mmCIF file of all heavy atoms, coordinates in Angstrom:
data_MODEL
# 
_entry.id   MODEL 
# 
loop_
_atom_site.group_PDB 
_atom_site.id 
_atom_site.type_symbol 
_atom_site.label_atom_id 
_atom_site.label_alt_id 
_atom_site.label_comp_id 
_atom_site.label_asym_id 
_atom_site.label_entity_id 
_atom_site.label_seq_id 
_atom_site.pdbx_PDB_ins_code 
_atom_site.Cartn_x 
_atom_site.Cartn_y 
_atom_site.Cartn_z 
_atom_site.occupancy 
_atom_site.B_iso_or_equiv 
_atom_site.pdbx_formal_charge 
_atom_site.auth_seq_id 
_atom_site.auth_comp_id 
_atom_site.auth_asym_id 
_atom_site.auth_atom_id 
_atom_site.pdbx_PDB_model_num 
ATOM 1   N N   . ILE A 1 1  ? 69.375 75.751 234.412 1.00 0.00 ? 1  ILE A N   1 
ATOM 2   C CA  . ILE A 1 1  ? 70.304 76.593 235.173 1.00 0.00 ? 1  ILE A CA  1 
ATOM 3   C C   . ILE A 1 1  ? 69.558 77.726 235.849 1.00 0.00 ? 1  ILE A C   1 
ATOM 4   O O   . ILE A 1 1  ? 69.821 78.072 237.006 1.00 0.00 ? 1  ILE A O   1 
ATOM 5   C CB  . ILE A 1 1  ? 71.391 77.141 234.237 1.00 0.00 ? 1  ILE A CB  1 
ATOM 6   C CG1 . ILE A 1 1  ? 72.229 75.994 233.678 1.00 0.00 ? 1  ILE A CG1 1 
ATOM 7   C CG2 . ILE A 1 1  ? 72.275 78.134 234.973 1.00 0.00 ? 1  ILE A CG2 1 
ATOM 8   C CD1 . ILE A 1 1  ? 73.301 76.440 232.700 1.00 0.00 ? 1  ILE A CD1 1 
ATOM 9   N N   . ALA A 1 2  ? 68.617 78.325 235.132 1.00 0.00 ? 2  ALA A N   1 
ATOM 10  C CA  . ALA A 1 2  ? 67.857 79.432 235.709 1.00 0.00 ? 2  ALA A CA  1 
ATOM 11  C C   . ALA A 1 2  ? 67.085 78.985 236.939 1.00 0.00 ? 2  ALA A C   1 
ATOM 12  O O   . ALA A 1 2  ? 67.037 79.690 237.949 1.00 0.00 ? 2  ALA A O   1 
ATOM 13  C CB  . ALA A 1 2  ? 66.914 80.015 234.665 1.00 0.00 ? 2  ALA A CB  1 
ATOM 14  N N   . CYS A 1 3  ? 66.498 77.789 236.865 1.00 0.00 ? 3  CYS A N   1 
ATOM 15  C CA  . CYS A 1 3  ? 65.681 77.308 237.975 1.00 0.00 ? 3  CYS A CA  1 
ATOM 16  C C   . CYS A 1 3  ? 66.517 76.740 239.109 1.00 0.00 ? 3  CYS A C   1 
ATOM 17  O O   . CYS A 1 3  ? 65.984 76.437 240.184 1.00 0.00 ? 3  CYS A O   1 
ATOM 18  C CB  . CYS A 1 3  ? 64.711 76.240 237.478 1.00 0.00 ? 3  CYS A CB  1 
ATOM 19  S SG  . CYS A 1 3  ? 63.441 76.892 236.369 1.00 0.00 ? 3  CYS A SG  1 
ATOM 20  N N   . SER A 1 4  ? 67.831 76.551 238.888 1.00 0.00 ? 4  SER A N   1 
ATOM 21  C CA  . SER A 1 4  ? 68.688 76.030 239.952 1.00 0.00 ? 4  SER A CA  1 
ATOM 22  C C   . SER A 1 4  ? 69.135 77.117 240.905 1.00 0.00 ? 4  SER A C   1 
ATOM 23  O O   . SER A 1 4  ? 69.748 76.841 241.932 1.00 0.00 ? 4  SER A O   1 
ATOM 24  C CB  . SER A 1 4  ? 69.927 75.349 239.347 1.00 0.00 ? 4  SER A CB  1 
ATOM 25  O OG  . SER A 1 4  ? 70.739 76.300 238.677 1.00 0.00 ? 4  SER A OG  1 
ATOM 26  N N   . VAL A 1 5  ? 68.843 78.391 240.575 1.00 0.00 ? 5  VAL A N   1 
ATOM 27  C CA  . VAL A 1 5  ? 69.248 79.499 241.426 1.00 0.00 ? 5  VAL A CA  1 
ATOM 28  C C   . VAL A 1 5  ? 68.279 79.602 242.604 1.00 0.00 ? 5  VAL A C   1 
ATOM 29  O O   . VAL A 1 5  ? 67.063 79.690 242.403 1.00 0.00 ? 5  VAL A O   1 
ATOM 30  C CB  . VAL A 1 5  ? 69.261 80.818 240.627 1.00 0.00 ? 5  VAL A CB  1 
ATOM 31  C CG1 . VAL A 1 5  ? 69.650 81.978 241.528 1.00 0.00 ? 5  VAL A CG1 1 
ATOM 32  C CG2 . VAL A 1 5  ? 70.204 80.693 239.454 1.00 0.00 ? 5  VAL A CG2 1 
ATOM 33  N N   . PRO A 1 6  ? 68.786 79.588 243.865 1.00 0.00 ? 6  PRO A N   1 
ATOM 34  C CA  . PRO A 1 6  ? 67.886 79.707 245.014 1.00 0.00 ? 6  PRO A CA  1 
ATOM 35  C C   . PRO A 1 6  ? 67.142 81.031 244.983 1.00 0.00 ? 6  PRO A C   1 
ATOM 36  O O   . PRO A 1 6  ? 67.703 82.070 244.636 1.00 0.00 ? 6  PRO A O   1 
ATOM 37  C CB  . PRO A 1 6  ? 68.851 79.632 246.205 1.00 0.00 ? 6  PRO A CB  1 
ATOM 38  C CG  . PRO A 1 6  ? 70.092 79.002 245.671 1.00 0.00 ? 6  PRO A CG  1 
ATOM 39  C CD  . PRO A 1 6  ? 70.180 79.417 244.249 1.00 0.00 ? 6  PRO A CD  1 
ATOM 40  N N   . HIS A 1 7  ? 65.864 80.984 245.336 1.00 0.00 ? 7  HIS A N   1 
ATOM 41  C CA  . HIS A 1 7  ? 65.061 82.195 245.350 1.00 0.00 ? 7  HIS A CA  1 
ATOM 42  C C   . HIS A 1 7  ? 64.029 82.059 246.448 1.00 0.00 ? 7  HIS A C   1 
ATOM 43  O O   . HIS A 1 7  ? 63.608 80.959 246.811 1.00 0.00 ? 7  HIS A O   1 
ATOM 44  C CB  . HIS A 1 7  ? 64.398 82.420 243.979 1.00 0.00 ? 7  HIS A CB  1 
ATOM 45  C CG  . HIS A 1 7  ? 63.835 83.796 243.816 1.00 0.00 ? 7  HIS A CG  1 
ATOM 46  N ND1 . HIS A 1 7  ? 62.554 84.119 244.166 1.00 0.00 ? 7  HIS A ND1 1 
ATOM 47  C CD2 . HIS A 1 7  ? 64.404 84.925 243.334 1.00 0.00 ? 7  HIS A CD2 1 
ATOM 48  C CE1 . HIS A 1 7  ? 62.346 85.405 243.900 1.00 0.00 ? 7  HIS A CE1 1 
ATOM 49  N NE2 . HIS A 1 7  ? 63.453 85.907 243.393 1.00 0.00 ? 7  HIS A NE2 1 
ATOM 50  N N   . LYS A 1 8  ? 63.603 83.194 246.943 1.00 0.00 ? 8  LYS A N   1 
ATOM 51  C CA  . LYS A 1 8  ? 62.649 83.192 248.046 1.00 0.00 ? 8  LYS A CA  1 
ATOM 52  C C   . LYS A 1 8  ? 61.315 82.594 247.647 1.00 0.00 ? 8  LYS A C   1 
ATOM 53  O O   . LYS A 1 8  ? 60.584 82.073 248.473 1.00 0.00 ? 8  LYS A O   1 
ATOM 54  C CB  . LYS A 1 8  ? 62.459 84.626 248.556 1.00 0.00 ? 8  LYS A CB  1 
ATOM 55  C CG  . LYS A 1 8  ? 61.886 85.576 247.483 1.00 0.00 ? 8  LYS A CG  1 
ATOM 56  C CD  . LYS A 1 8  ? 61.775 86.983 248.006 1.00 0.00 ? 8  LYS A CD  1 
ATOM 57  C CE  . LYS A 1 8  ? 61.216 87.927 246.937 1.00 0.00 ? 8  LYS A CE  1 
ATOM 58  N NZ  . LYS A 1 8  ? 61.106 89.312 247.434 1.00 0.00 ? 8  LYS A NZ  1 
ATOM 59  N N   . ASP A 1 9  ? 60.982 82.669 246.370 1.00 0.00 ? 9  ASP A N   1 
ATOM 60  C CA  . ASP A 1 9  ? 59.737 82.079 245.882 1.00 0.00 ? 9  ASP A CA  1 
ATOM 61  C C   . ASP A 1 9  ? 59.974 80.617 245.561 1.00 0.00 ? 9  ASP A C   1 
ATOM 62  O O   . ASP A 1 9  ? 60.732 80.283 244.662 1.00 0.00 ? 9  ASP A O   1 
ATOM 63  C CB  . ASP A 1 9  ? 59.263 82.820 244.630 1.00 0.00 ? 9  ASP A CB  1 
ATOM 64  C CG  . ASP A 1 9  ? 57.877 82.371 244.199 1.00 0.00 ? 9  ASP A CG  1 
ATOM 65  O OD1 . ASP A 1 9  ? 57.377 81.387 244.787 1.00 0.00 ? 9  ASP A OD1 1 
ATOM 66  O OD2 . ASP A 1 9  ? 57.317 82.999 243.294 1.00 0.00 ? 9  ASP A OD2 1 
ATOM 67  N N   . ALA A 1 10 ? 59.358 79.708 246.282 1.00 0.00 ? 10 ALA A N   1 
ATOM 68  C CA  . ALA A 1 10 ? 59.620 78.269 246.119 1.00 0.00 ? 10 ALA A CA  1 
ATOM 69  C C   . ALA A 1 10 ? 59.000 77.710 244.852 1.00 0.00 ? 10 ALA A C   1 
ATOM 70  O O   . ALA A 1 10 ? 59.332 76.614 244.430 1.00 0.00 ? 10 ALA A O   1 
ATOM 71  C CB  . ALA A 1 10 ? 59.099 77.491 247.331 1.00 0.00 ? 10 ALA A CB  1 
ATOM 72  N N   . ASN A 1 11 ? 58.045 78.444 244.211 1.00 0.00 ? 11 ASN A N   1 
ATOM 73  C CA  . ASN A 1 11 ? 57.338 77.907 243.044 1.00 0.00 ? 11 ASN A CA  1 
ATOM 74  C C   . ASN A 1 11 ? 57.754 78.611 241.755 1.00 0.00 ? 11 ASN A C   1 
ATOM 75  O O   . ASN A 1 11 ? 56.964 78.733 240.827 1.00 0.00 ? 11 ASN A O   1 
ATOM 76  C CB  . ASN A 1 11 ? 55.821 78.064 243.241 1.00 0.00 ? 11 ASN A CB  1 
ATOM 77  C CG  . ASN A 1 11 ? 55.332 77.322 244.473 1.00 0.00 ? 11 ASN A CG  1 
ATOM 78  O OD1 . ASN A 1 11 ? 55.749 76.202 244.710 1.00 0.00 ? 11 ASN A OD1 1 
ATOM 79  N ND2 . ASN A 1 11 ? 54.454 77.964 245.233 1.00 0.00 ? 11 ASN A ND2 1 
ATOM 80  N N   . VAL A 1 12 ? 58.969 79.093 241.703 1.00 0.00 ? 12 VAL A N   1 
ATOM 81  C CA  . VAL A 1 12 ? 59.361 79.920 240.563 1.00 0.00 ? 12 VAL A CA  1 
ATOM 82  C C   . VAL A 1 12 ? 59.496 79.136 239.277 1.00 0.00 ? 12 VAL A C   1 
ATOM 83  O O   . VAL A 1 12 ? 59.449 79.705 238.203 1.00 0.00 ? 12 VAL A O   1 
ATOM 84  C CB  . VAL A 1 12 ? 60.692 80.643 240.869 1.00 0.00 ? 12 VAL A CB  1 
ATOM 85  C CG1 . VAL A 1 12 ? 60.505 81.634 241.970 1.00 0.00 ? 12 VAL A CG1 1 
ATOM 86  C CG2 . VAL A 1 12 ? 61.778 79.635 241.201 1.00 0.00 ? 12 VAL A CG2 1 
ATOM 87  N N   . CYS A 1 13 ? 59.700 77.832 239.334 1.00 0.00 ? 13 CYS A N   1 
ATOM 88  C CA  . CYS A 1 13 ? 59.993 77.072 238.115 1.00 0.00 ? 13 CYS A CA  1 
ATOM 89  C C   . CYS A 1 13 ? 58.977 75.978 237.851 1.00 0.00 ? 13 CYS A C   1 
ATOM 90  O O   . CYS A 1 13 ? 59.312 74.937 237.303 1.00 0.00 ? 13 CYS A O   1 
ATOM 91  C CB  . CYS A 1 13 ? 61.396 76.481 238.198 1.00 0.00 ? 13 CYS A CB  1 
ATOM 92  S SG  . CYS A 1 13 ? 62.666 77.738 238.045 1.00 0.00 ? 13 CYS A SG  1 
ATOM 93  N N   . GLN A 1 14 ? 57.755 76.162 238.246 1.00 0.00 ? 14 GLN A N   1 
ATOM 94  C CA  . GLN A 1 14 ? 56.743 75.177 237.911 1.00 0.00 ? 14 GLN A CA  1 
ATOM 95  C C   . GLN A 1 14 ? 56.415 75.270 236.423 1.00 0.00 ? 14 GLN A C   1 
ATOM 96  O O   . GLN A 1 14 ? 56.393 76.348 235.840 1.00 0.00 ? 14 GLN A O   1 
ATOM 97  C CB  . GLN A 1 14 ? 55.473 75.413 238.725 1.00 0.00 ? 14 GLN A CB  1 
ATOM 98  C CG  . GLN A 1 14 ? 55.645 75.071 240.205 1.00 0.00 ? 14 GLN A CG  1 
ATOM 99  C CD  . GLN A 1 14 ? 54.348 75.275 240.957 1.00 0.00 ? 14 GLN A CD  1 
ATOM 100 O OE1 . GLN A 1 14 ? 53.401 75.828 240.429 1.00 0.00 ? 14 GLN A OE1 1 
ATOM 101 N NE2 . GLN A 1 14 ? 54.309 74.801 242.183 1.00 0.00 ? 14 GLN A NE2 1 
ATOM 102 N N   . SER A 1 15 ? 56.205 74.131 235.798 1.00 0.00 ? 15 SER A N   1 
ATOM 103 C CA  . SER A 1 15 ? 55.863 74.117 234.373 1.00 0.00 ? 15 SER A CA  1 
ATOM 104 C C   . SER A 1 15 ? 54.517 74.789 234.157 1.00 0.00 ? 15 SER A C   1 
ATOM 105 O O   . SER A 1 15 ? 53.591 74.638 234.953 1.00 0.00 ? 15 SER A O   1 
ATOM 106 C CB  . SER A 1 15 ? 55.811 72.682 233.850 1.00 0.00 ? 15 SER A CB  1 
ATOM 107 O OG  . SER A 1 15 ? 57.057 72.069 234.000 1.00 0.00 ? 15 SER A OG  1 
ATOM 108 N N   . PRO A 1 16 ? 54.374 75.545 233.093 1.00 0.00 ? 16 PRO A N   1 
ATOM 109 C CA  . PRO A 1 16 ? 53.099 76.228 232.848 1.00 0.00 ? 16 PRO A CA  1 
ATOM 110 C C   . PRO A 1 16 ? 51.979 75.241 232.539 1.00 0.00 ? 16 PRO A C   1 
ATOM 111 O O   . PRO A 1 16 ? 52.186 74.253 231.858 1.00 0.00 ? 16 PRO A O   1 
ATOM 112 C CB  . PRO A 1 16 ? 53.406 77.104 231.632 1.00 0.00 ? 16 PRO A CB  1 
ATOM 113 C CG  . PRO A 1 16 ? 54.552 76.426 230.957 1.00 0.00 ? 16 PRO A CG  1 
ATOM 114 C CD  . PRO A 1 16 ? 55.357 75.801 232.047 1.00 0.00 ? 16 PRO A CD  1 
ATOM 115 N N   . LYS A 1 17 ? 50.797 75.551 233.059 1.00 0.00 ? 17 LYS A N   1 
ATOM 116 C CA  . LYS A 1 17 ? 49.653 74.678 232.816 1.00 0.00 ? 17 LYS A CA  1 
ATOM 117 C C   . LYS A 1 17 ? 48.917 75.060 231.537 1.00 0.00 ? 17 LYS A C   1 
ATOM 118 O O   . LYS A 1 17 ? 48.059 74.339 231.078 1.00 0.00 ? 17 LYS A O   1 
ATOM 119 C CB  . LYS A 1 17 ? 48.692 74.760 234.016 1.00 0.00 ? 17 LYS A CB  1 
ATOM 120 C CG  . LYS A 1 17 ? 49.339 74.281 235.306 1.00 0.00 ? 17 LYS A CG  1 
ATOM 121 C CD  . LYS A 1 17 ? 48.373 74.385 236.464 1.00 0.00 ? 17 LYS A CD  1 
ATOM 122 C CE  . LYS A 1 17 ? 48.999 73.901 237.757 1.00 0.00 ? 17 LYS A CE  1 
ATOM 123 N NZ  . LYS A 1 17 ? 48.094 74.018 238.905 1.00 0.00 ? 17 LYS A NZ  1 
ATOM 124 N N   . SER A 1 18 ? 49.249 76.218 230.992 1.00 0.00 ? 18 SER A N   1 
ATOM 125 C CA  . SER A 1 18 ? 48.596 76.646 229.774 1.00 0.00 ? 18 SER A CA  1 
ATOM 126 C C   . SER A 1 18 ? 49.600 77.420 228.938 1.00 0.00 ? 18 SER A C   1 
ATOM 127 O O   . SER A 1 18 ? 50.671 77.785 229.407 1.00 0.00 ? 18 SER A O   1 
ATOM 128 C CB  . SER A 1 18 ? 47.389 77.544 230.088 1.00 0.00 ? 18 SER A CB  1 
ATOM 129 O OG  . SER A 1 18 ? 47.820 78.727 230.729 1.00 0.00 ? 18 SER A OG  1 
ATOM 130 N N   . ALA A 1 19 ? 49.259 77.651 227.717 1.00 0.00 ? 19 ALA A N   1 
ATOM 131 C CA  . ALA A 1 19 ? 50.162 78.376 226.817 1.00 0.00 ? 19 ALA A CA  1 
ATOM 132 C C   . ALA A 1 19 ? 49.580 79.731 226.453 1.00 0.00 ? 19 ALA A C   1 
ATOM 133 O O   . ALA A 1 19 ? 49.776 80.240 225.370 1.00 0.00 ? 19 ALA A O   1 
ATOM 134 C CB  . ALA A 1 19 ? 50.418 77.550 225.564 1.00 0.00 ? 19 ALA A CB  1 
ATOM 135 N N   . VAL A 1 20 ? 48.825 80.350 227.378 1.00 0.00 ? 20 VAL A N   1 
ATOM 136 C CA  . VAL A 1 20 ? 48.213 81.641 227.116 1.00 0.00 ? 20 VAL A CA  1 
ATOM 137 C C   . VAL A 1 20 ? 49.297 82.701 227.046 1.00 0.00 ? 20 VAL A C   1 
ATOM 138 O O   . VAL A 1 20 ? 50.142 82.799 227.930 1.00 0.00 ? 20 VAL A O   1 
ATOM 139 C CB  . VAL A 1 20 ? 47.198 81.988 228.229 1.00 0.00 ? 20 VAL A CB  1 
ATOM 140 C CG1 . VAL A 1 20 ? 46.623 83.379 227.999 1.00 0.00 ? 20 VAL A CG1 1 
ATOM 141 C CG2 . VAL A 1 20 ? 46.092 80.953 228.253 1.00 0.00 ? 20 VAL A CG2 1 
ATOM 142 N N   . ILE A 1 21 ? 49.309 83.489 225.979 1.00 0.00 ? 21 ILE A N   1 
ATOM 143 C CA  . ILE A 1 21 ? 50.291 84.541 225.807 1.00 0.00 ? 21 ILE A CA  1 
ATOM 144 C C   . ILE A 1 21 ? 49.780 85.804 226.475 1.00 0.00 ? 21 ILE A C   1 
ATOM 145 O O   . ILE A 1 21 ? 48.659 86.263 226.225 1.00 0.00 ? 21 ILE A O   1 
ATOM 146 C CB  . ILE A 1 21 ? 50.566 84.809 224.323 1.00 0.00 ? 21 ILE A CB  1 
ATOM 147 C CG1 . ILE A 1 21 ? 51.088 83.542 223.662 1.00 0.00 ? 21 ILE A CG1 1 
ATOM 148 C CG2 . ILE A 1 21 ? 51.547 85.950 224.144 1.00 0.00 ? 21 ILE A CG2 1 
ATOM 149 C CD1 . ILE A 1 21 ? 52.403 83.073 224.235 1.00 0.00 ? 21 ILE A CD1 1 
ATOM 150 N N   . PHE A 1 22 ? 50.636 86.345 227.376 1.00 0.00 ? 22 PHE A N   1 
ATOM 151 C CA  . PHE A 1 22 ? 50.275 87.582 228.061 1.00 0.00 ? 22 PHE A CA  1 
ATOM 152 C C   . PHE A 1 22 ? 50.872 88.748 227.296 1.00 0.00 ? 22 PHE A C   1 
ATOM 153 O O   . PHE A 1 22 ? 52.083 88.831 227.128 1.00 0.00 ? 22 PHE A O   1 
ATOM 154 C CB  . PHE A 1 22 ? 50.807 87.553 229.494 1.00 0.00 ? 22 PHE A CB  1 
ATOM 155 C CG  . PHE A 1 22 ? 50.623 88.852 230.234 1.00 0.00 ? 22 PHE A CG  1 
ATOM 156 C CD1 . PHE A 1 22 ? 49.370 89.230 230.680 1.00 0.00 ? 22 PHE A CD1 1 
ATOM 157 C CD2 . PHE A 1 22 ? 51.701 89.684 230.460 1.00 0.00 ? 22 PHE A CD2 1 
ATOM 158 C CE1 . PHE A 1 22 ? 49.212 90.427 231.358 1.00 0.00 ? 22 PHE A CE1 1 
ATOM 159 C CE2 . PHE A 1 22 ? 51.546 90.877 231.141 1.00 0.00 ? 22 PHE A CE2 1 
ATOM 160 C CZ  . PHE A 1 22 ? 50.297 91.250 231.595 1.00 0.00 ? 22 PHE A CZ  1 
ATOM 161 N N   . GLN A 1 23 ? 50.038 89.637 226.796 1.00 0.00 ? 23 GLN A N   1 
ATOM 162 C CA  . GLN A 1 23 ? 50.507 90.797 226.062 1.00 0.00 ? 23 GLN A CA  1 
ATOM 163 C C   . GLN A 1 23 ? 50.053 92.053 226.775 1.00 0.00 ? 23 GLN A C   1 
ATOM 164 O O   . GLN A 1 23 ? 48.862 92.251 227.007 1.00 0.00 ? 23 GLN A O   1 
ATOM 165 C CB  . GLN A 1 23 ? 49.974 90.794 224.619 1.00 0.00 ? 23 GLN A CB  1 
ATOM 166 C CG  . GLN A 1 23 ? 50.494 89.628 223.783 1.00 0.00 ? 23 GLN A CG  1 
ATOM 167 C CD  . GLN A 1 23 ? 50.035 89.698 222.353 1.00 0.00 ? 23 GLN A CD  1 
ATOM 168 O OE1 . GLN A 1 23 ? 49.031 90.335 222.074 1.00 0.00 ? 23 GLN A OE1 1 
ATOM 169 N NE2 . GLN A 1 23 ? 50.771 89.041 221.475 1.00 0.00 ? 23 GLN A NE2 1 
ATOM 170 N N   . ASP A 1 24 ? 51.032 92.851 227.161 1.00 0.00 ? 24 ASP A N   1 
ATOM 171 C CA  . ASP A 1 24 ? 50.746 94.120 227.825 1.00 0.00 ? 24 ASP A CA  1 
ATOM 172 C C   . ASP A 1 24 ? 51.074 95.227 226.831 1.00 0.00 ? 24 ASP A C   1 
ATOM 173 O O   . ASP A 1 24 ? 52.241 95.534 226.580 1.00 0.00 ? 24 ASP A O   1 
ATOM 174 C CB  . ASP A 1 24 ? 51.601 94.244 229.077 1.00 0.00 ? 24 ASP A CB  1 
ATOM 175 C CG  . ASP A 1 24 ? 51.256 95.485 229.862 1.00 0.00 ? 24 ASP A CG  1 
ATOM 176 O OD1 . ASP A 1 24 ? 50.365 96.219 229.409 1.00 0.00 ? 24 ASP A OD1 1 
ATOM 177 O OD2 . ASP A 1 24 ? 51.877 95.729 230.908 1.00 0.00 ? 24 ASP A OD2 1 
# 
């Protein structure tokens, strides 16, 4: 459902290529 929402960014729902956790 989240990825079915139109957005200006065409690549918003590509599957991740890695499982690196980003911690800020």
